[in-house]
Structure formats: structure tokens, C-alpha cells
Amino acid sequence: MGSLQQALVCFEKRLVVAHELGGEGGGKAQAYGELGTLHSQLGNYEQSLSCLEHQLNIARTAGVSIYLTSVLVSADDFTFRPLLNM
């Protein structure tokens, strides 16, 4: 679990950098998607959902269709099953 926690810190820093760089949203969308996947692996399902929703919104706004596919794959994965039982 320690490695995943270290990865979480790095991915959060990556997201900050992506926001600072600005741009059309591709970097931000990717950063949110990766962070959402990591949160899922850590069992942080609500944080995972929040990150993937951000990724989806950025992808829709920026028209970055590759990230829309990524969100759909993540949503179909085990990621949100625990949330469905709430």
C-alpha cells in the first residue's frame, strides 16, 4: 500500500502542474483519469468517481474524445460497483 500512497502524492502534484500549464484540457483530463484510477485501487471510490467526473467534463468541454473513452472504460470497470450498493 505504501507505493500506492506515494503514487497518490505524485499524481496529485501532476494534477497541480497540469492546471498551472493550462491548455485545452488534454493534460488535465489525463491527470484526473490517472488519479481516479489510483483512488479506485486504494478503495477511495468517492474520490475516484469525483476525479473521473472531472475528466469527463474536461473531455466534453475540450472535445478530447480519447478521454471520453477512458472514462467509459473506467465506469464499466469495478471502480463504481461499491458505490452502487450505497
C-alpha atoms as a PDB file:
ATOM      1  CA  MET A   1       0.000   0.000   0.000  1.00  0.00           C
ATOM      2  CA  GLY A   2       2.931   2.352   0.628  1.00  0.00           C
ATOM      3  CA  SER A   3       3.823   2.528  -3.048  1.00  0.00           C
ATOM      4  CA  LEU A   4       0.252   3.431  -3.957  1.00  0.00           C
ATOM      5  CA  GLN A   5       0.250   6.190  -1.342  1.00  0.00           C
ATOM      6  CA  GLN A   6       3.492   7.555  -2.791  1.00  0.00           C
ATOM      7  CA  ALA A   7       1.996   7.368  -6.266  1.00  0.00           C
ATOM      8  CA  LEU A   8      -1.035   9.288  -4.997  1.00  0.00           C
ATOM      9  CA  VAL A   9       1.189  12.160  -3.857  1.00  0.00           C
ATOM     10  CA  CYS A  10       2.958  12.217  -7.232  1.00  0.00           C
ATOM     11  CA  PHE A  11      -0.311  12.086  -9.207  1.00  0.00           C
ATOM     12  CA  GLU A  12      -1.781  14.922  -7.145  1.00  0.00           C
ATOM     13  CA  LYS A  13       1.314  17.014  -7.885  1.00  0.00           C
ATOM     14  CA  ARG A  14       0.948  16.143 -11.573  1.00  0.00           C
ATOM     15  CA  LEU A  15      -2.615  17.435 -11.495  1.00  0.00           C
ATOM     16  CA  VAL A  16      -1.457  20.724  -9.965  1.00  0.00           C
ATOM     17  CA  VAL A  17       1.152  21.102 -12.713  1.00  0.00           C
ATOM     18  CA  ALA A  18      -1.437  20.295 -15.397  1.00  0.00           C
ATOM     19  CA  HIS A  19      -3.673  23.073 -14.054  1.00  0.00           C
ATOM     20  CA  GLU A  20      -0.761  25.514 -13.922  1.00  0.00           C
ATOM     21  CA  LEU A  21       0.149  24.753 -17.539  1.00  0.00           C
ATOM     22  CA  GLY A  22      -3.421  25.338 -18.685  1.00  0.00           C
ATOM     23  CA  GLY A  23      -4.104  24.474 -22.292  1.00  0.00           C
ATOM     24  CA  GLU A  24      -7.054  22.777 -23.923  1.00  0.00           C
ATOM     25  CA  GLY A  25      -7.510  20.226 -21.177  1.00  0.00           C
ATOM     26  CA  GLY A  26      -5.872  17.072 -22.502  1.00  0.00           C
ATOM     27  CA  GLY A  27      -3.215  17.046 -19.790  1.00  0.00           C
ATOM     28  CA  LYS A  28      -5.748  17.825 -17.092  1.00  0.00           C
ATOM     29  CA  ALA A  29      -8.136  15.165 -18.344  1.00  0.00           C
ATOM     30  CA  GLN A  30      -5.390  12.563 -18.361  1.00  0.00           C
ATOM     31  CA  ALA A  31      -4.200  13.568 -14.888  1.00  0.00           C
ATOM     32  CA  TYR A  32      -7.724  13.331 -13.455  1.00  0.00           C
ATOM     33  CA  GLY A  33      -8.223   9.944 -15.107  1.00  0.00           C
ATOM     34  CA  GLU A  34      -4.999   8.519 -13.726  1.00  0.00           C
ATOM     35  CA  LEU A  35      -5.744   9.920 -10.290  1.00  0.00           C
ATOM     36  CA  GLY A  36      -9.247   8.453 -10.409  1.00  0.00           C
ATOM     37  CA  THR A  37      -7.891   5.025 -11.301  1.00  0.00           C
ATOM     38  CA  LEU A  38      -5.391   5.200  -8.461  1.00  0.00           C
ATOM     39  CA  HIS A  39      -8.084   6.233  -5.966  1.00  0.00           C
ATOM     40  CA  SER A  40     -10.094   3.231  -7.106  1.00  0.00           C
ATOM     41  CA  GLN A  41      -7.139   0.925  -6.476  1.00  0.00           C
ATOM     42  CA  LEU A  42      -6.840   2.397  -2.981  1.00  0.00           C
ATOM     43  CA  GLY A  43     -10.554   1.832  -2.319  1.00  0.00           C
ATOM     44  CA  ASN A  44     -11.335   5.567  -2.313  1.00  0.00           C
ATOM     45  CA  TYR A  45     -14.373   5.132  -4.533  1.00  0.00           C
ATOM     46  CA  GLU A  46     -15.991   8.519  -3.986  1.00  0.00           C
ATOM     47  CA  GLN A  47     -12.716  10.319  -4.773  1.00  0.00           C
ATOM     48  CA  SER A  48     -12.320   8.082  -7.807  1.00  0.00           C
ATOM     49  CA  LEU A  49     -15.769   8.995  -9.036  1.00  0.00           C
ATOM     50  CA  SER A  50     -15.096  12.696  -8.497  1.00  0.00           C
ATOM     51  CA  CYS A  51     -11.838  12.551 -10.485  1.00  0.00           C
ATOM     52  CA  LEU A  52     -13.427  10.639 -13.349  1.00  0.00           C
ATOM     53  CA  GLU A  53     -16.345  13.095 -13.444  1.00  0.00           C
ATOM     54  CA  HIS A  54     -13.807  15.930 -13.734  1.00  0.00           C
ATOM     55  CA  GLN A  55     -12.080  14.033 -16.521  1.00  0.00           C
ATOM     56  CA  LEU A  56     -15.379  13.576 -18.331  1.00  0.00           C
ATOM     57  CA  ASN A  57     -16.329  17.248 -18.011  1.00  0.00           C
ATOM     58  CA  ILE A  58     -12.942  18.413 -19.270  1.00  0.00           C
ATOM     59  CA  ALA A  59     -13.032  15.963 -22.163  1.00  0.00           C
ATOM     60  CA  ARG A  60     -16.521  17.093 -23.158  1.00  0.00           C
ATOM     61  CA  THR A  61     -15.599  20.771 -22.980  1.00  0.00           C
ATOM     62  CA  ALA A  62     -12.300  20.371 -24.817  1.00  0.00           C
ATOM     63  CA  GLY A  63     -13.649  17.823 -27.273  1.00  0.00           C
ATOM     64  CA  VAL A  64     -10.933  15.341 -26.353  1.00  0.00           C
ATOM     65  CA  SER A  65     -12.704  12.136 -27.340  1.00  0.00           C
ATOM     66  CA  ILE A  66      -9.925   9.760 -26.329  1.00  0.00           C
ATOM     67  CA  TYR A  67     -10.501  10.682 -22.691  1.00  0.00           C
ATOM     68  CA  LEU A  68     -14.241  10.141 -23.048  1.00  0.00           C
ATOM     69  CA  THR A  69     -13.444   6.544 -23.970  1.00  0.00           C
ATOM     70  CA  SER A  70     -11.176   6.264 -20.937  1.00  0.00           C
ATOM     71  CA  VAL A  71     -13.947   7.443 -18.609  1.00  0.00           C
ATOM     72  CA  LEU A  72     -16.414   4.966 -20.090  1.00  0.00           C
ATOM     73  CA  VAL A  73     -13.971   2.095 -19.657  1.00  0.00           C
ATOM     74  CA  SER A  74     -13.304   3.114 -16.053  1.00  0.00           C
ATOM     75  CA  ALA A  75     -17.005   3.414 -15.313  1.00  0.00           C
ATOM     76  CA  ASP A  76     -17.583  -0.066 -16.697  1.00  0.00           C
ATOM     77  CA  ASP A  77     -14.757  -1.455 -14.588  1.00  0.00           C
ATOM     78  CA  PHE A  78     -15.019  -2.495 -10.930  1.00  0.00           C
ATOM     79  CA  THR A  79     -14.450   1.107  -9.910  1.00  0.00           C
ATOM     80  CA  PHE A  80     -18.017   2.091  -9.097  1.00  0.00           C
ATOM     81  CA  ARG A  81     -19.588  -1.183  -8.029  1.00  0.00           C
ATOM     82  CA  PRO A  82     -19.241  -0.383  -4.298  1.00  0.00           C
ATOM     83  CA  LEU A  83     -20.955   2.969  -4.857  1.00  0.00           C
ATOM     84  CA  LEU A  84     -23.950   1.259  -6.442  1.00  0.00           C
ATOM     85  CA  ASN A  85     -24.591  -0.614  -3.197  1.00  0.00           C
ATOM     86  CA  MET A  86     -24.698   2.531  -1.032  1.00  0.00           C
END
